[in-house]
Amino acid sequence: MTSQLYQALNLAQSLSLSEQFELLKVLSTIIQKTHALENQAILEDENTDFSADSFRKSWQQAMTGQTLPIDQL
């Protein structure tokens, strides 16, 4: 653990039970928001990679004539 975390833990232990409970609620909200943002960033990265890769493949197929007529799709 870092020294900052030790300081935060010592401070939390010095709080009353009701203050500790309030701190727990706030920390839970912060953790949930951070987790959601990280998951969103991961999904956006995955979607971007997939779209870019898909576009490259499609562009290559179009440029080399590897396409099908609409009535065959």
PDB file of N, CA and C in Angstrom:
ATOM      1  N   MET A   1       0.833  -1.182   0.000  1.00  0.00           N
ATOM      2  CA  MET A   1       0.000   0.000   0.000  1.00  0.00           C
ATOM      3  C   MET A   1       0.880   1.249   0.000  1.00  0.00           C
ATOM      4  N   THR A   2       0.350   2.287  -0.600  1.00  0.00           N
ATOM      5  CA  THR A   2       1.094   3.541  -0.626  1.00  0.00           C
ATOM      6  C   THR A   2       0.888   4.298   0.685  1.00  0.00           C
ATOM      7  N   SER A   3       1.740   5.263   0.922  1.00  0.00           N
ATOM      8  CA  SER A   3       1.612   6.063   2.143  1.00  0.00           C
ATOM      9  C   SER A   3       0.305   6.859   2.126  1.00  0.00           C
ATOM     10  N   GLN A   4      -0.123   7.279   0.941  1.00  0.00           N
ATOM     11  CA  GLN A   4      -1.385   8.016   0.852  1.00  0.00           C
ATOM     12  C   GLN A   4      -2.558   7.131   1.259  1.00  0.00           C
ATOM     13  N   LEU A   5      -2.514   5.859   0.858  1.00  0.00           N
ATOM     14  CA  LEU A   5      -3.581   4.944   1.225  1.00  0.00           C
ATOM     15  C   LEU A   5      -3.574   4.691   2.731  1.00  0.00           C
ATOM     16  N   TYR A   6      -2.408   4.535   3.320  1.00  0.00           N
ATOM     17  CA  TYR A   6      -2.316   4.389   4.773  1.00  0.00           C
ATOM     18  C   TYR A   6      -2.899   5.608   5.482  1.00  0.00           C
ATOM     19  N   GLN A   7      -2.593   6.790   4.983  1.00  0.00           N
ATOM     20  CA  GLN A   7      -3.133   8.016   5.583  1.00  0.00           C
ATOM     21  C   GLN A   7      -4.655   8.042   5.483  1.00  0.00           C
ATOM     22  N   ALA A   8      -5.169   7.647   4.319  1.00  0.00           N
ATOM     23  CA  ALA A   8      -6.623   7.634   4.130  1.00  0.00           C
ATOM     24  C   ALA A   8      -7.277   6.625   5.068  1.00  0.00           C
ATOM     25  N   LEU A   9      -6.650   5.469   5.227  1.00  0.00           N
ATOM     26  CA  LEU A   9      -7.198   4.455   6.127  1.00  0.00           C
ATOM     27  C   LEU A   9      -7.178   4.930   7.575  1.00  0.00           C
ATOM     28  N   ASN A  10      -6.085   5.561   7.981  1.00  0.00           N
ATOM     29  CA  ASN A  10      -6.013   6.094   9.347  1.00  0.00           C
ATOM     30  C   ASN A  10      -7.078   7.152   9.566  1.00  0.00           C
ATOM     31  N   LEU A  11      -7.263   8.013   8.579  1.00  0.00           N
ATOM     32  CA  LEU A  11      -8.300   9.042   8.683  1.00  0.00           C
ATOM     33  C   LEU A  11      -9.678   8.398   8.770  1.00  0.00           C
ATOM     34  N   ALA A  12      -9.937   7.385   7.939  1.00  0.00           N
ATOM     35  CA  ALA A  12     -11.231   6.707   7.952  1.00  0.00           C
ATOM     36  C   ALA A  12     -11.500   6.063   9.317  1.00  0.00           C
ATOM     37  N   GLN A  13     -10.465   5.497   9.924  1.00  0.00           N
ATOM     38  CA  GLN A  13     -10.636   4.859  11.233  1.00  0.00           C
ATOM     39  C   GLN A  13     -10.928   5.872  12.327  1.00  0.00           C
ATOM     40  N   SER A  14     -10.534   7.101  12.111  1.00  0.00           N
ATOM     41  CA  SER A  14     -10.788   8.124  13.129  1.00  0.00           C
ATOM     42  C   SER A  14     -12.201   8.701  13.027  1.00  0.00           C
ATOM     43  N   LEU A  15     -12.931   8.366  11.986  1.00  0.00           N
ATOM     44  CA  LEU A  15     -14.284   8.887  11.799  1.00  0.00           C
ATOM     45  C   LEU A  15     -15.284   8.123  12.656  1.00  0.00           C
ATOM     46  N   SER A  16     -16.405   8.763  12.906  1.00  0.00           N
ATOM     47  CA  SER A  16     -17.487   8.072  13.616  1.00  0.00           C
ATOM     48  C   SER A  16     -18.096   7.028  12.680  1.00  0.00           C
ATOM     49  N   LEU A  17     -18.897   6.142  13.231  1.00  0.00           N
ATOM     50  CA  LEU A  17     -19.523   5.092  12.436  1.00  0.00           C
ATOM     51  C   LEU A  17     -20.394   5.687  11.322  1.00  0.00           C
ATOM     52  N   SER A  18     -21.151   6.705  11.635  1.00  0.00           N
ATOM     53  CA  SER A  18     -22.011   7.312  10.611  1.00  0.00           C
ATOM     54  C   SER A  18     -21.175   7.974   9.516  1.00  0.00           C
ATOM     55  N   GLU A  19     -20.040   8.580   9.886  1.00  0.00           N
ATOM     56  CA  GLU A  19     -19.154   9.183   8.892  1.00  0.00           C
ATOM     57  C   GLU A  19     -18.484   8.106   8.032  1.00  0.00           C
ATOM     58  N   GLN A  20     -18.108   6.990   8.666  1.00  0.00           N
ATOM     59  CA  GLN A  20     -17.522   5.893   7.911  1.00  0.00           C
ATOM     60  C   GLN A  20     -18.535   5.331   6.903  1.00  0.00           C
ATOM     61  N   PHE A  21     -19.781   5.233   7.324  1.00  0.00           N
ATOM     62  CA  PHE A  21     -20.821   4.733   6.431  1.00  0.00           C
ATOM     63  C   PHE A  21     -21.019   5.690   5.258  1.00  0.00           C
ATOM     64  N   GLU A  22     -21.018   6.971   5.524  1.00  0.00           N
ATOM     65  CA  GLU A  22     -21.151   7.974   4.455  1.00  0.00           C
ATOM     66  C   GLU A  22     -19.950   7.892   3.504  1.00  0.00           C
ATOM     67  N   LEU A  23     -18.762   7.728   4.058  1.00  0.00           N
ATOM     68  CA  LEU A  23     -17.561   7.577   3.245  1.00  0.00           C
ATOM     69  C   LEU A  23     -17.672   6.337   2.358  1.00  0.00           C
ATOM     70  N   LEU A  24     -18.164   5.253   2.915  1.00  0.00           N
ATOM     71  CA  LEU A  24     -18.338   4.020   2.153  1.00  0.00           C
ATOM     72  C   LEU A  24     -19.286   4.230   0.975  1.00  0.00           C
ATOM     73  N   LYS A  25     -20.380   4.933   1.193  1.00  0.00           N
ATOM     74  CA  LYS A  25     -21.327   5.204   0.109  1.00  0.00           C
ATOM     75  C   LYS A  25     -20.678   6.040  -0.991  1.00  0.00           C
ATOM     76  N   VAL A  26     -19.928   7.059  -0.597  1.00  0.00           N
ATOM     77  CA  VAL A  26     -19.279   7.928  -1.580  1.00  0.00           C
ATOM     78  C   VAL A  26     -18.215   7.152  -2.361  1.00  0.00           C
ATOM     79  N   LEU A  27     -17.404   6.363  -1.655  1.00  0.00           N
ATOM     80  CA  LEU A  27     -16.384   5.561  -2.327  1.00  0.00           C
ATOM     81  C   LEU A  27     -17.013   4.552  -3.281  1.00  0.00           C
ATOM     82  N   SER A  28     -18.119   3.964  -2.877  1.00  0.00           N
ATOM     83  CA  SER A  28     -18.810   3.010  -3.741  1.00  0.00           C
ATOM     84  C   SER A  28     -19.264   3.679  -5.031  1.00  0.00           C
ATOM     85  N   THR A  29     -19.790   4.884  -4.928  1.00  0.00           N
ATOM     86  CA  THR A  29     -20.230   5.632  -6.107  1.00  0.00           C
ATOM     87  C   THR A  29     -19.042   5.957  -7.007  1.00  0.00           C
ATOM     88  N   ILE A  30     -17.951   6.394  -6.416  1.00  0.00           N
ATOM     89  CA  ILE A  30     -16.746   6.718  -7.191  1.00  0.00           C
ATOM     90  C   ILE A  30     -16.236   5.485  -7.925  1.00  0.00           C
ATOM     91  N   ILE A  31     -16.185   4.350  -7.230  1.00  0.00           N
ATOM     92  CA  ILE A  31     -15.688   3.113  -7.830  1.00  0.00           C
ATOM     93  C   ILE A  31     -16.594   2.678  -8.976  1.00  0.00           C
ATOM     94  N   GLN A  32     -17.900   2.760  -8.788  1.00  0.00           N
ATOM     95  CA  GLN A  32     -18.836   2.356  -9.836  1.00  0.00           C
ATOM     96  C   GLN A  32     -18.689   3.237 -11.075  1.00  0.00           C
ATOM     97  N   LYS A  33     -18.546   4.545 -10.879  1.00  0.00           N
ATOM     98  CA  LYS A  33     -18.381   5.455 -12.019  1.00  0.00           C
ATOM     99  C   LYS A  33     -17.071   5.182 -12.751  1.00  0.00           C
ATOM    100  N   THR A  34     -15.993   4.988 -11.995  1.00  0.00           N
ATOM    101  CA  THR A  34     -14.696   4.710 -12.604  1.00  0.00           C
ATOM    102  C   THR A  34     -14.744   3.405 -13.390  1.00  0.00           C
ATOM    103  N   HIS A  35     -15.347   2.389 -12.806  1.00  0.00           N
ATOM    104  CA  HIS A  35     -15.467   1.091 -13.466  1.00  0.00           C
ATOM    105  C   HIS A  35     -16.283   1.219 -14.757  1.00  0.00           C
ATOM    106  N   ALA A  36     -17.380   1.951 -14.700  1.00  0.00           N
ATOM    107  CA  ALA A  36     -18.215   2.138 -15.887  1.00  0.00           C
ATOM    108  C   ALA A  36     -17.452   2.873 -16.982  1.00  0.00           C
ATOM    109  N   LEU A  37     -16.696   3.897 -16.617  1.00  0.00           N
ATOM    110  CA  LEU A  37     -15.918   4.643 -17.610  1.00  0.00           C
ATOM    111  C   LEU A  37     -14.836   3.777 -18.239  1.00  0.00           C
ATOM    112  N   GLU A  38     -14.179   2.960 -17.432  1.00  0.00           N
ATOM    113  CA  GLU A  38     -13.150   2.080 -17.970  1.00  0.00           C
ATOM    114  C   GLU A  38     -13.751   1.049 -18.917  1.00  0.00           C
ATOM    115  N   ASN A  39     -14.891   0.478 -18.539  1.00  0.00           N
ATOM    116  CA  ASN A  39     -15.556  -0.490 -19.408  1.00  0.00           C
ATOM    117  C   ASN A  39     -15.992   0.161 -20.713  1.00  0.00           C
ATOM    118  N   GLN A  40     -16.500   1.390 -20.623  1.00  0.00           N
ATOM    119  CA  GLN A  40     -16.925   2.110 -21.820  1.00  0.00           C
ATOM    120  C   GLN A  40     -15.725   2.362 -22.735  1.00  0.00           C
ATOM    121  N   ALA A  41     -14.608   2.747 -22.172  1.00  0.00           N
ATOM    122  CA  ALA A  41     -13.407   3.003 -22.967  1.00  0.00           C
ATOM    123  C   ALA A  41     -12.925   1.728 -23.649  1.00  0.00           C
ATOM    124  N   ILE A  42     -12.986   0.619 -22.941  1.00  0.00           N
ATOM    125  CA  ILE A  42     -12.574  -0.661 -23.522  1.00  0.00           C
ATOM    126  C   ILE A  42     -13.492  -1.029 -24.677  1.00  0.00           C
ATOM    127  N   LEU A  43     -14.797  -0.880 -24.490  1.00  0.00           N
ATOM    128  CA  LEU A  43     -15.745  -1.204 -25.552  1.00  0.00           C
ATOM    129  C   LEU A  43     -15.556  -0.304 -26.758  1.00  0.00           C
ATOM    130  N   GLU A  44     -15.309   0.970 -26.523  1.00  0.00           N
ATOM    131  CA  GLU A  44     -15.102   1.889 -27.639  1.00  0.00           C
ATOM    132  C   GLU A  44     -13.835   1.530 -28.403  1.00  0.00           C
ATOM    133  N   ASP A  45     -12.786   1.156 -27.703  1.00  0.00           N
ATOM    134  CA  ASP A  45     -11.551   0.737 -28.359  1.00  0.00           C
ATOM    135  C   ASP A  45     -11.785  -0.513 -29.196  1.00  0.00           C
ATOM    136  N   GLU A  46     -12.519  -1.478 -28.636  1.00  0.00           N
ATOM    137  CA  GLU A  46     -12.804  -2.711 -29.364  1.00  0.00           C
ATOM    138  C   GLU A  46     -13.641  -2.419 -30.600  1.00  0.00           C
ATOM    139  N   ASN A  47     -14.663  -1.573 -30.446  1.00  0.00           N
ATOM    140  CA  ASN A  47     -15.520  -1.244 -31.584  1.00  0.00           C
ATOM    141  C   ASN A  47     -14.740  -0.505 -32.654  1.00  0.00           C
ATOM    142  N   THR A  48     -13.866   0.398 -32.269  1.00  0.00           N
ATOM    143  CA  THR A  48     -13.065   1.146 -33.228  1.00  0.00           C
ATOM    144  C   THR A  48     -12.134   0.209 -33.981  1.00  0.00           C
ATOM    145  N   ASP A  49     -11.489  -0.692 -33.264  1.00  0.00           N
ATOM    146  CA  ASP A  49     -10.589  -1.645 -33.912  1.00  0.00           C
ATOM    147  C   ASP A  49     -11.352  -2.506 -34.903  1.00  0.00           C
ATOM    148  N   PHE A  50     -12.499  -2.995 -34.501  1.00  0.00           N
ATOM    149  CA  PHE A  50     -13.290  -3.844 -35.378  1.00  0.00           C
ATOM    150  C   PHE A  50     -13.735  -3.062 -36.609  1.00  0.00           C
ATOM    151  N   SER A  51     -14.220  -1.866 -36.440  1.00  0.00           N
ATOM    152  CA  SER A  51     -14.694  -1.068 -37.555  1.00  0.00           C
ATOM    153  C   SER A  51     -13.558  -0.736 -38.515  1.00  0.00           C
ATOM    154  N   ALA A  52     -12.415  -0.368 -37.998  1.00  0.00           N
ATOM    155  CA  ALA A  52     -11.278  -0.037 -38.842  1.00  0.00           C
ATOM    156  C   ALA A  52     -10.817  -1.272 -39.610  1.00  0.00           C
ATOM    157  N   ASP A  53     -10.758  -2.403 -38.939  1.00  0.00           N
ATOM    158  CA  ASP A  53     -10.336  -3.643 -39.595  1.00  0.00           C
ATOM    159  C   ASP A  53     -11.354  -4.052 -40.655  1.00  0.00           C
ATOM    160  N   SER A  54     -12.622  -3.961 -40.320  1.00  0.00           N
ATOM    161  CA  SER A  54     -13.667  -4.305 -41.267  1.00  0.00           C
ATOM    162  C   SER A  54     -13.626  -3.397 -42.487  1.00  0.00           C
ATOM    163  N   PHE A  55     -13.420  -2.114 -42.261  1.00  0.00           N
ATOM    164  CA  PHE A  55     -13.348  -1.169 -43.366  1.00  0.00           C
ATOM    165  C   PHE A  55     -12.160  -1.485 -44.278  1.00  0.00           C
ATOM    166  N   ARG A  56     -11.005  -1.772 -43.683  1.00  0.00           N
ATOM    167  CA  ARG A  56      -9.816  -2.090 -44.480  1.00  0.00           C
ATOM    168  C   ARG A  56     -10.057  -3.305 -45.382  1.00  0.00           C
ATOM    169  N   LYS A  57     -10.647  -4.344 -44.787  1.00  0.00           N
ATOM    170  CA  LYS A  57     -10.922  -5.554 -45.566  1.00  0.00           C
ATOM    171  C   LYS A  57     -11.912  -5.263 -46.690  1.00  0.00           C
ATOM    172  N   SER A  58     -12.968  -4.538 -46.380  1.00  0.00           N
ATOM    173  CA  SER A  58     -13.978  -4.207 -47.392  1.00  0.00           C
ATOM    174  C   SER A  58     -13.390  -3.340 -48.488  1.00  0.00           C
ATOM    175  N   TRP A  59     -12.576  -2.365 -48.111  1.00  0.00           N
ATOM    176  CA  TRP A  59     -11.945  -1.480 -49.095  1.00  0.00           C
ATOM    177  C   TRP A  59     -11.023  -2.287 -50.014  1.00  0.00           C
ATOM    178  N   GLN A  60     -10.239  -3.187 -49.429  1.00  0.00           N
ATOM    179  CA  GLN A  60      -9.347  -4.031 -50.222  1.00  0.00           C
ATOM    180  C   GLN A  60     -10.145  -4.890 -51.206  1.00  0.00           C
ATOM    181  N   GLN A  61     -11.250  -5.455 -50.747  1.00  0.00           N
ATOM    182  CA  GLN A  61     -12.085  -6.275 -51.627  1.00  0.00           C
ATOM    183  C   GLN A  61     -12.667  -5.427 -52.759  1.00  0.00           C
ATOM    184  N   ALA A  62     -13.121  -4.237 -52.443  1.00  0.00           N
ATOM    185  CA  ALA A  62     -13.696  -3.362 -53.469  1.00  0.00           C
ATOM    186  C   ALA A  62     -12.645  -2.951 -54.489  1.00  0.00           C
ATOM    187  N   MET A  63     -11.452  -2.651 -54.029  1.00  0.00           N
ATOM    188  CA  MET A  63     -10.395  -2.189 -54.925  1.00  0.00           C
ATOM    189  C   MET A  63      -9.876  -3.314 -55.831  1.00  0.00           C
ATOM    190  N   THR A  64      -9.993  -4.557 -55.393  1.00  0.00           N
ATOM    191  CA  THR A  64      -9.495  -5.679 -56.192  1.00  0.00           C
ATOM    192  C   THR A  64     -10.620  -6.393 -56.941  1.00  0.00           C
ATOM    193  N   GLY A  65     -11.829  -5.823 -56.901  1.00  0.00           N
ATOM    194  CA  GLY A  65     -12.944  -6.407 -57.644  1.00  0.00           C
ATOM    195  C   GLY A  65     -13.536  -7.648 -57.005  1.00  0.00           C
ATOM    196  N   GLN A  66     -13.252  -7.886 -55.744  1.00  0.00           N
ATOM    197  CA  GLN A  66     -13.778  -9.057 -55.054  1.00  0.00           C
ATOM    198  C   GLN A  66     -15.130  -8.735 -54.420  1.00  0.00           C
ATOM    199  N   THR A  67     -16.079  -8.394 -55.267  1.00  0.00           N
ATOM    200  CA  THR A  67     -17.399  -8.022 -54.797  1.00  0.00           C
ATOM    201  C   THR A  67     -18.445  -8.898 -55.463  1.00  0.00           C
ATOM    202  N   LEU A  68     -19.627  -8.931 -54.907  1.00  0.00           N
ATOM    203  CA  LEU A  68     -20.740  -9.679 -55.461  1.00  0.00           C
ATOM    204  C   LEU A  68     -21.811  -8.713 -55.947  1.00  0.00           C
ATOM    205  N   PRO A  69     -22.510  -9.072 -56.992  1.00  0.00           N
ATOM    206  CA  PRO A  69     -23.635  -8.223 -57.411  1.00  0.00           C
ATOM    207  C   PRO A  69     -24.701  -8.197 -56.319  1.00  0.00           C
ATOM    208  N   ILE A  70     -25.455  -7.113 -56.284  1.00  0.00           N
ATOM    209  CA  ILE A  70     -26.482  -6.929 -55.249  1.00  0.00           C
ATOM    210  C   ILE A  70     -27.461  -8.091 -55.243  1.00  0.00           C
ATOM    211  N   ASP A  71     -27.846  -8.605 -56.400  1.00  0.00           N
ATOM    212  CA  ASP A  71     -28.854  -9.665 -56.430  1.00  0.00           C
ATOM    213  C   ASP A  71     -28.331 -10.983 -55.856  1.00  0.00           C
ATOM    214  N   GLN A  72     -27.043 -11.099 -55.652  1.00  0.00           N
ATOM    215  CA  GLN A  72     -26.486 -12.312 -55.045  1.00  0.00           C
ATOM    216  C   GLN A  72     -26.265 -12.166 -53.537  1.00  0.00           C
ATOM    217  N   LEU A  73     -26.498 -10.979 -53.009  1.00  0.00           N
ATOM    218  CA  LEU A  73     -26.274 -10.770 -51.572  1.00  0.00           C
ATOM    219  C   LEU A  73     -27.447 -11.205 -50.758  1.00  0.00           C
TER     220      LEU A  73
END
